[in-house]
Amino acid sequence: MNSLQGQEHERDVAYAALQKRLSECSEQDALQLMRSFDRQITFWHKQKSNIQEARSFWKTPYPYVGIGVGIIVPVSGFILLMLLP
């Protein structure tokens, strides 16, 4: 059994155990648990997409141009004020 099949088997066993435990709960509790699982998964996907978005943003030149301008403009303004009589 390779690694991928082993992971699939573990997931299937965990899913079967979860389904068995949910079937033992009342309908309201099971529904509440499923909603909380859905919220956690949605939050995880949003967080993952935000991280990917931030990484792709830093691969563009815009943040570096902004940092450069943010340093150069105040320094050049200070130097110009110092050179004026």
PDB file of N, CA and C in Angstrom:
ATOM      1  N   MET A   1       0.847  -1.168   0.000  1.00  0.00           N
ATOM      2  CA  MET A   1       0.000   0.000   0.000  1.00  0.00           C
ATOM      3  C   MET A   1       0.901   1.242   0.000  1.00  0.00           C
ATOM      4  N   ASN A   2       0.699   2.113  -0.977  1.00  0.00           N
ATOM      5  CA  ASN A   2       1.533   3.313  -1.001  1.00  0.00           C
ATOM      6  C   ASN A   2       0.963   4.376  -0.064  1.00  0.00           C
ATOM      7  N   SER A   3       1.654   5.492  -0.008  1.00  0.00           N
ATOM      8  CA  SER A   3       1.301   6.549   0.949  1.00  0.00           C
ATOM      9  C   SER A   3      -0.091   7.119   0.680  1.00  0.00           C
ATOM     10  N   LEU A   4      -0.414   7.327  -0.592  1.00  0.00           N
ATOM     11  CA  LEU A   4      -1.710   7.922  -0.937  1.00  0.00           C
ATOM     12  C   LEU A   4      -2.857   6.995  -0.557  1.00  0.00           C
ATOM     13  N   GLN A   5      -2.696   5.712  -0.813  1.00  0.00           N
ATOM     14  CA  GLN A   5      -3.747   4.759  -0.439  1.00  0.00           C
ATOM     15  C   GLN A   5      -3.885   4.673   1.074  1.00  0.00           C
ATOM     16  N   GLY A   6      -2.777   4.773   1.784  1.00  0.00           N
ATOM     17  CA  GLY A   6      -2.818   4.740   3.242  1.00  0.00           C
ATOM     18  C   GLY A   6      -3.565   5.941   3.803  1.00  0.00           C
ATOM     19  N   GLN A   7      -3.339   7.111   3.214  1.00  0.00           N
ATOM     20  CA  GLN A   7      -4.034   8.318   3.658  1.00  0.00           C
ATOM     21  C   GLN A   7      -5.529   8.220   3.368  1.00  0.00           C
ATOM     22  N   GLU A   8      -5.862   7.698   2.194  1.00  0.00           N
ATOM     23  CA  GLU A   8      -7.273   7.533   1.845  1.00  0.00           C
ATOM     24  C   GLU A   8      -7.959   6.554   2.797  1.00  0.00           C
ATOM     25  N   HIS A   9      -7.262   5.476   3.135  1.00  0.00           N
ATOM     26  CA  HIS A   9      -7.824   4.488   4.050  1.00  0.00           C
ATOM     27  C   HIS A   9      -8.060   5.107   5.433  1.00  0.00           C
ATOM     28  N   GLU A  10      -7.077   5.880   5.920  1.00  0.00           N
ATOM     29  CA  GLU A  10      -7.234   6.537   7.226  1.00  0.00           C
ATOM     30  C   GLU A  10      -8.408   7.517   7.209  1.00  0.00           C
ATOM     31  N   ARG A  11      -8.548   8.240   6.101  1.00  0.00           N
ATOM     32  CA  ARG A  11      -9.649   9.187   5.979  1.00  0.00           C
ATOM     33  C   ARG A  11     -10.988   8.455   5.962  1.00  0.00           C
ATOM     34  N   ASP A  12     -11.050   7.344   5.255  1.00  0.00           N
ATOM     35  CA  ASP A  12     -12.297   6.574   5.201  1.00  0.00           C
ATOM     36  C   ASP A  12     -12.662   6.020   6.574  1.00  0.00           C
ATOM     37  N   VAL A  13     -11.667   5.541   7.312  1.00  0.00           N
ATOM     38  CA  VAL A  13     -11.911   5.008   8.652  1.00  0.00           C
ATOM     39  C   VAL A  13     -12.383   6.129   9.571  1.00  0.00           C
ATOM     40  N   ALA A  14     -11.748   7.286   9.491  1.00  0.00           N
ATOM     41  CA  ALA A  14     -12.143   8.426  10.327  1.00  0.00           C
ATOM     42  C   ALA A  14     -13.558   8.883   9.962  1.00  0.00           C
ATOM     43  N   TYR A  15     -13.870   8.906   8.673  1.00  0.00           N
ATOM     44  CA  TYR A  15     -15.201   9.315   8.237  1.00  0.00           C
ATOM     45  C   TYR A  15     -16.256   8.330   8.742  1.00  0.00           C
ATOM     46  N   ALA A  16     -15.957   7.034   8.668  1.00  0.00           N
ATOM     47  CA  ALA A  16     -16.905   6.030   9.143  1.00  0.00           C
ATOM     48  C   ALA A  16     -17.118   6.167  10.651  1.00  0.00           C
ATOM     49  N   ALA A  17     -16.043   6.417  11.388  1.00  0.00           N
ATOM     50  CA  ALA A  17     -16.165   6.593  12.836  1.00  0.00           C
ATOM     51  C   ALA A  17     -16.982   7.845  13.158  1.00  0.00           C
ATOM     52  N   LEU A  18     -16.748   8.912  12.418  1.00  0.00           N
ATOM     53  CA  LEU A  18     -17.515  10.144  12.625  1.00  0.00           C
ATOM     54  C   LEU A  18     -18.991   9.920  12.311  1.00  0.00           C
ATOM     55  N   GLN A  19     -19.264   9.232  11.218  1.00  0.00           N
ATOM     56  CA  GLN A  19     -20.650   8.964  10.840  1.00  0.00           C
ATOM     57  C   GLN A  19     -21.345   8.106  11.899  1.00  0.00           C
ATOM     58  N   LYS A  20     -20.641   7.147  12.453  1.00  0.00           N
ATOM     59  CA  LYS A  20     -21.224   6.289  13.493  1.00  0.00           C
ATOM     60  C   LYS A  20     -21.532   7.107  14.746  1.00  0.00           C
ATOM     61  N   ARG A  21     -20.593   7.980  15.135  1.00  0.00           N
ATOM     62  CA  ARG A  21     -20.810   8.798  16.334  1.00  0.00           C
ATOM     63  C   ARG A  21     -21.934   9.800  16.117  1.00  0.00           C
ATOM     64  N   LEU A  22     -22.026  10.353  14.905  1.00  0.00           N
ATOM     65  CA  LEU A  22     -23.108  11.304  14.629  1.00  0.00           C
ATOM     66  C   LEU A  22     -24.465  10.614  14.615  1.00  0.00           C
ATOM     67  N   SER A  23     -24.487   9.351  14.185  1.00  0.00           N
ATOM     68  CA  SER A  23     -25.763   8.637  14.156  1.00  0.00           C
ATOM     69  C   SER A  23     -26.265   8.339  15.572  1.00  0.00           C
ATOM     70  N   GLU A  24     -25.346   8.308  16.548  1.00  0.00           N
ATOM     71  CA  GLU A  24     -25.731   8.068  17.939  1.00  0.00           C
ATOM     72  C   GLU A  24     -26.245   9.335  18.615  1.00  0.00           C
ATOM     73  N   CYS A  25     -25.936  10.506  18.043  1.00  0.00           N
ATOM     74  CA  CYS A  25     -26.374  11.786  18.623  1.00  0.00           C
ATOM     75  C   CYS A  25     -27.806  12.090  18.199  1.00  0.00           C
ATOM     76  N   SER A  26     -28.397  13.039  18.903  1.00  0.00           N
ATOM     77  CA  SER A  26     -29.724  13.484  18.485  1.00  0.00           C
ATOM     78  C   SER A  26     -29.583  14.283  17.192  1.00  0.00           C
ATOM     79  N   GLU A  27     -30.703  14.462  16.518  1.00  0.00           N
ATOM     80  CA  GLU A  27     -30.672  15.143  15.226  1.00  0.00           C
ATOM     81  C   GLU A  27     -30.194  16.591  15.368  1.00  0.00           C
ATOM     82  N   GLN A  28     -30.620  17.282  16.418  1.00  0.00           N
ATOM     83  CA  GLN A  28     -30.217  18.673  16.645  1.00  0.00           C
ATOM     84  C   GLN A  28     -28.711  18.760  16.905  1.00  0.00           C
ATOM     85  N   ASP A  29     -28.195  17.858  17.739  1.00  0.00           N
ATOM     86  CA  ASP A  29     -26.767  17.876  18.034  1.00  0.00           C
ATOM     87  C   ASP A  29     -25.934  17.571  16.793  1.00  0.00           C
ATOM     88  N   ALA A  30     -26.376  16.592  16.021  1.00  0.00           N
ATOM     89  CA  ALA A  30     -25.657  16.236  14.797  1.00  0.00           C
ATOM     90  C   ALA A  30     -25.663  17.403  13.815  1.00  0.00           C
ATOM     91  N   LEU A  31     -26.794  18.067  13.681  1.00  0.00           N
ATOM     92  CA  LEU A  31     -26.893  19.209  12.783  1.00  0.00           C
ATOM     93  C   LEU A  31     -25.989  20.348  13.259  1.00  0.00           C
ATOM     94  N   GLN A  32     -25.959  20.583  14.551  1.00  0.00           N
ATOM     95  CA  GLN A  32     -25.108  21.625  15.101  1.00  0.00           C
ATOM     96  C   GLN A  32     -23.626  21.296  14.876  1.00  0.00           C
ATOM     97  N   LEU A  33     -23.259  20.039  15.051  1.00  0.00           N
ATOM     98  CA  LEU A  33     -21.879  19.619  14.808  1.00  0.00           C
ATOM     99  C   LEU A  33     -21.499  19.786  13.334  1.00  0.00           C
ATOM    100  N   MET A  34     -22.403  19.403  12.451  1.00  0.00           N
ATOM    101  CA  MET A  34     -22.115  19.535  11.023  1.00  0.00           C
ATOM    102  C   MET A  34     -21.956  21.003  10.633  1.00  0.00           C
ATOM    103  N   ARG A  35     -22.768  21.864  11.211  1.00  0.00           N
ATOM    104  CA  ARG A  35     -22.635  23.303  10.923  1.00  0.00           C
ATOM    105  C   ARG A  35     -21.302  23.836  11.440  1.00  0.00           C
ATOM    106  N   SER A  36     -20.886  23.386  12.611  1.00  0.00           N
ATOM    107  CA  SER A  36     -19.604  23.853  13.145  1.00  0.00           C
ATOM    108  C   SER A  36     -18.447  23.326  12.293  1.00  0.00           C
ATOM    109  N   PHE A  37     -18.539  22.091  11.803  1.00  0.00           N
ATOM    110  CA  PHE A  37     -17.520  21.565  10.894  1.00  0.00           C
ATOM    111  C   PHE A  37     -17.459  22.420   9.639  1.00  0.00           C
ATOM    112  N   ASP A  38     -18.629  22.767   9.111  1.00  0.00           N
ATOM    113  CA  ASP A  38     -18.688  23.589   7.901  1.00  0.00           C
ATOM    114  C   ASP A  38     -18.047  24.954   8.142  1.00  0.00           C
ATOM    115  N   ARG A  39     -18.325  25.565   9.293  1.00  0.00           N
ATOM    116  CA  ARG A  39     -17.721  26.866   9.606  1.00  0.00           C
ATOM    117  C   ARG A  39     -16.209  26.755   9.708  1.00  0.00           C
ATOM    118  N   GLN A  40     -15.716  25.693  10.337  1.00  0.00           N
ATOM    119  CA  GLN A  40     -14.266  25.517  10.471  1.00  0.00           C
ATOM    120  C   GLN A  40     -13.609  25.336   9.116  1.00  0.00           C
ATOM    121  N   ILE A  41     -14.227  24.547   8.257  1.00  0.00           N
ATOM    122  CA  ILE A  41     -13.654  24.310   6.930  1.00  0.00           C
ATOM    123  C   ILE A  41     -13.680  25.594   6.112  1.00  0.00           C
ATOM    124  N   THR A  42     -14.774  26.346   6.185  1.00  0.00           N
ATOM    125  CA  THR A  42     -14.868  27.614   5.462  1.00  0.00           C
ATOM    126  C   THR A  42     -13.813  28.585   5.957  1.00  0.00           C
ATOM    127  N   PHE A  43     -13.642  28.685   7.275  1.00  0.00           N
ATOM    128  CA  PHE A  43     -12.624  29.562   7.839  1.00  0.00           C
ATOM    129  C   PHE A  43     -11.237  29.148   7.379  1.00  0.00           C
ATOM    130  N   TRP A  44     -10.961  27.851   7.369  1.00  0.00           N
ATOM    131  CA  TRP A  44      -9.658  27.343   6.957  1.00  0.00           C
ATOM    132  C   TRP A  44      -9.376  27.703   5.499  1.00  0.00           C
ATOM    133  N   HIS A  45     -10.393  27.547   4.625  1.00  0.00           N
ATOM    134  CA  HIS A  45     -10.205  27.874   3.207  1.00  0.00           C
ATOM    135  C   HIS A  45      -9.986  29.375   3.018  1.00  0.00           C
ATOM    136  N   LYS A  46     -10.710  30.210   3.761  1.00  0.00           N
ATOM    137  CA  LYS A  46     -10.511  31.656   3.655  1.00  0.00           C
ATOM    138  C   LYS A  46      -9.109  32.037   4.110  1.00  0.00           C
ATOM    139  N   GLN A  47      -8.664  31.455   5.207  1.00  0.00           N
ATOM    140  CA  GLN A  47      -7.330  31.754   5.720  1.00  0.00           C
ATOM    141  C   GLN A  47      -6.266  31.310   4.721  1.00  0.00           C
ATOM    142  N   LYS A  48      -6.467  30.148   4.136  1.00  0.00           N
ATOM    143  CA  LYS A  48      -5.510  29.634   3.163  1.00  0.00           C
ATOM    144  C   LYS A  48      -5.458  30.534   1.932  1.00  0.00           C
ATOM    145  N   SER A  49      -6.618  30.998   1.459  1.00  0.00           N
ATOM    146  CA  SER A  49      -6.630  31.869   0.285  1.00  0.00           C
ATOM    147  C   SER A  49      -6.025  33.232   0.610  1.00  0.00           C
ATOM    148  N   ASN A  50      -6.215  33.738   1.846  1.00  0.00           N
ATOM    149  CA  ASN A  50      -5.594  35.006   2.234  1.00  0.00           C
ATOM    150  C   ASN A  50      -4.078  34.894   2.255  1.00  0.00           C
ATOM    151  N   ILE A  51      -3.566  33.777   2.730  1.00  0.00           N
ATOM    152  CA  ILE A  51      -2.115  33.566   2.756  1.00  0.00           C
ATOM    153  C   ILE A  51      -1.569  33.499   1.344  1.00  0.00           C
ATOM    154  N   GLN A  52      -2.248  32.795   0.457  1.00  0.00           N
ATOM    155  CA  GLN A  52      -1.800  32.704  -0.930  1.00  0.00           C
ATOM    156  C   GLN A  52      -1.863  34.070  -1.611  1.00  0.00           C
ATOM    157  N   GLU A  53      -2.895  34.840  -1.300  1.00  0.00           N
ATOM    158  CA  GLU A  53      -3.034  36.174  -1.872  1.00  0.00           C
ATOM    159  C   GLU A  53      -1.903  37.090  -1.403  1.00  0.00           C
ATOM    160  N   ALA A  54      -1.546  37.006  -0.123  1.00  0.00           N
ATOM    161  CA  ALA A  54      -0.448  37.821   0.404  1.00  0.00           C
ATOM    162  C   ALA A  54       0.879  37.420  -0.235  1.00  0.00           C
ATOM    163  N   ARG A  55       1.098  36.140  -0.405  1.00  0.00           N
ATOM    164  CA  ARG A  55       2.343  35.689  -1.046  1.00  0.00           C
ATOM    165  C   ARG A  55       2.425  36.172  -2.483  1.00  0.00           C
ATOM    166  N   SER A  56       1.323  36.101  -3.210  1.00  0.00           N
ATOM    167  CA  SER A  56       1.351  36.553  -4.597  1.00  0.00           C
ATOM    168  C   SER A  56       1.510  38.075  -4.668  1.00  0.00           C
ATOM    169  N   PHE A  57       1.004  38.813  -3.682  1.00  0.00           N
ATOM    170  CA  PHE A  57       1.169  40.268  -3.655  1.00  0.00           C
ATOM    171  C   PHE A  57       2.637  40.639  -3.516  1.00  0.00           C
ATOM    172  N   TRP A  58       3.368  39.924  -2.657  1.00  0.00           N
ATOM    173  CA  TRP A  58       4.778  40.239  -2.464  1.00  0.00           C
ATOM    174  C   TRP A  58       5.638  39.830  -3.645  1.00  0.00           C
ATOM    175  N   LYS A  59       5.092  39.067  -4.575  1.00  0.00           N
ATOM    176  CA  LYS A  59       5.833  38.707  -5.787  1.00  0.00           C
ATOM    177  C   LYS A  59       5.730  39.794  -6.852  1.00  0.00           C
ATOM    178  N   THR A  60       4.861  40.782  -6.651  1.00  0.00           N
ATOM    179  CA  THR A  60       4.723  41.891  -7.589  1.00  0.00           C
ATOM    180  C   THR A  60       5.668  43.015  -7.173  1.00  0.00           C
ATOM    181  N   PRO A  61       5.939  43.978  -8.061  1.00  0.00           N
ATOM    182  CA  PRO A  61       6.848  45.078  -7.699  1.00  0.00           C
ATOM    183  C   PRO A  61       6.191  46.170  -6.851  1.00  0.00           C
ATOM    184  N   TYR A  62       4.883  46.184  -6.724  1.00  0.00           N
ATOM    185  CA  TYR A  62       4.187  47.277  -6.051  1.00  0.00           C
ATOM    186  C   TYR A  62       4.603  47.502  -4.596  1.00  0.00           C
ATOM    187  N   PRO A  63       4.724  46.488  -3.766  1.00  0.00           N
ATOM    188  CA  PRO A  63       5.127  46.782  -2.384  1.00  0.00           C
ATOM    189  C   PRO A  63       6.539  47.352  -2.294  1.00  0.00           C
ATOM    190  N   TYR A  64       7.424  46.909  -3.172  1.00  0.00           N
ATOM    191  CA  TYR A  64       8.796  47.389  -3.135  1.00  0.00           C
ATOM    192  C   TYR A  64       8.884  48.829  -3.632  1.00  0.00           C
ATOM    193  N   VAL A  65       8.084  49.163  -4.633  1.00  0.00           N
ATOM    194  CA  VAL A  65       8.015  50.549  -5.094  1.00  0.00           C
ATOM    195  C   VAL A  65       7.462  51.430  -3.980  1.00  0.00           C
ATOM    196  N   GLY A  66       6.434  50.966  -3.301  1.00  0.00           N
ATOM    197  CA  GLY A  66       5.856  51.731  -2.193  1.00  0.00           C
ATOM    198  C   GLY A  66       6.848  51.948  -1.066  1.00  0.00           C
ATOM    199  N   ILE A  67       7.616  50.921  -0.735  1.00  0.00           N
ATOM    200  CA  ILE A  67       8.627  51.044   0.320  1.00  0.00           C
ATOM    201  C   ILE A  67       9.703  52.041  -0.109  1.00  0.00           C
ATOM    202  N   GLY A  68      10.126  51.940  -1.366  1.00  0.00           N
ATOM    203  CA  GLY A  68      11.141  52.866  -1.879  1.00  0.00           C
ATOM    204  C   GLY A  68      10.659  54.301  -1.857  1.00  0.00           C
ATOM    205  N   VAL A  69       9.452  54.531  -2.317  1.00  0.00           N
ATOM    206  CA  VAL A  69       8.894  55.884  -2.313  1.00  0.00           C
ATOM    207  C   VAL A  69       8.719  56.370  -0.881  1.00  0.00           C
ATOM    208  N   GLY A  70       8.284  55.488   0.006  1.00  0.00           N
ATOM    209  CA  GLY A  70       8.100  55.862   1.399  1.00  0.00           C
ATOM    210  C   GLY A  70       9.392  56.239   2.096  1.00  0.00           C
ATOM    211  N   ILE A  71      10.514  55.751   1.597  1.00  0.00           N
ATOM    212  CA  ILE A  71      11.806  56.108   2.179  1.00  0.00           C
ATOM    213  C   ILE A  71      12.399  57.325   1.468  1.00  0.00           C
ATOM    214  N   ILE A  72      12.342  57.324   0.145  1.00  0.00           N
ATOM    215  CA  ILE A  72      13.004  58.369  -0.638  1.00  0.00           C
ATOM    216  C   ILE A  72      12.330  59.726  -0.472  1.00  0.00           C
ATOM    217  N   VAL A  73      11.022  59.804  -0.497  1.00  0.00           N
ATOM    218  CA  VAL A  73      10.327  61.098  -0.431  1.00  0.00           C
ATOM    219  C   VAL A  73      10.623  61.830   0.881  1.00  0.00           C
ATOM    220  N   PRO A  74      10.479  61.224   2.047  1.00  0.00           N
ATOM    221  CA  PRO A  74      10.792  61.976   3.271  1.00  0.00           C
ATOM    222  C   PRO A  74      12.277  62.359   3.382  1.00  0.00           C
ATOM    223  N   VAL A  75      13.166  61.449   2.971  1.00  0.00           N
ATOM    224  CA  VAL A  75      14.598  61.742   3.060  1.00  0.00           C
ATOM    225  C   VAL A  75      14.954  62.884   2.120  1.00  0.00           C
ATOM    226  N   SER A  76      14.456  62.848   0.886  1.00  0.00           N
ATOM    227  CA  SER A  76      14.761  63.938  -0.053  1.00  0.00           C
ATOM    228  C   SER A  76      14.129  65.246   0.415  1.00  0.00           C
ATOM    229  N   GLY A  77      12.951  65.204   0.985  1.00  0.00           N
ATOM    230  CA  GLY A  77      12.345  66.416   1.537  1.00  0.00           C
ATOM    231  C   GLY A  77      13.175  66.982   2.670  1.00  0.00           C
ATOM    232  N   PHE A  78      13.679  66.142   3.538  1.00  0.00           N
ATOM    233  CA  PHE A  78      14.525  66.592   4.639  1.00  0.00           C
ATOM    234  C   PHE A  78      15.819  67.199   4.113  1.00  0.00           C
ATOM    235  N   ILE A  79      16.427  66.560   3.121  1.00  0.00           N
ATOM    236  CA  ILE A  79      17.672  67.075   2.534  1.00  0.00           C
ATOM    237  C   ILE A  79      17.421  68.420   1.871  1.00  0.00           C
ATOM    238  N   LEU A  80      16.318  68.569   1.140  1.00  0.00           N
ATOM    239  CA  LEU A  80      16.006  69.854   0.510  1.00  0.00           C
ATOM    240  C   LEU A  80      15.800  70.947   1.564  1.00  0.00           C
ATOM    241  N   LEU A  81      15.135  70.625   2.654  1.00  0.00           N
ATOM    242  CA  LEU A  81      14.952  71.621   3.719  1.00  0.00           C
ATOM    243  C   LEU A  81      16.292  72.015   4.356  1.00  0.00           C
ATOM    244  N   MET A  82      17.205  71.073   4.450  1.00  0.00           N
ATOM    245  CA  MET A  82      18.509  71.373   5.034  1.00  0.00           C
ATOM    246  C   MET A  82      19.362  72.234   4.105  1.00  0.00           C
ATOM    247  N   LEU A  83      19.175  72.100   2.775  1.00  0.00           N
ATOM    248  CA  LEU A  83      19.979  72.847   1.812  1.00  0.00           C
ATOM    249  C   LEU A  83      19.460  74.252   1.593  1.00  0.00           C
ATOM    250  N   LEU A  84      18.222  74.527   1.921  1.00  0.00           N
ATOM    251  CA  LEU A  84      17.690  75.881   1.740  1.00  0.00           C
ATOM    252  C   LEU A  84      18.279  76.806   2.794  1.00  0.00           C
ATOM    253  N   PRO A  85      18.602  78.048   2.390  1.00  0.00           N
ATOM    254  CA  PRO A  85      19.210  78.971   3.363  1.00  0.00           C
ATOM    255  C   PRO A  85      18.226  79.493   4.374  1.00  0.00           C
TER     256      PRO A  85
END
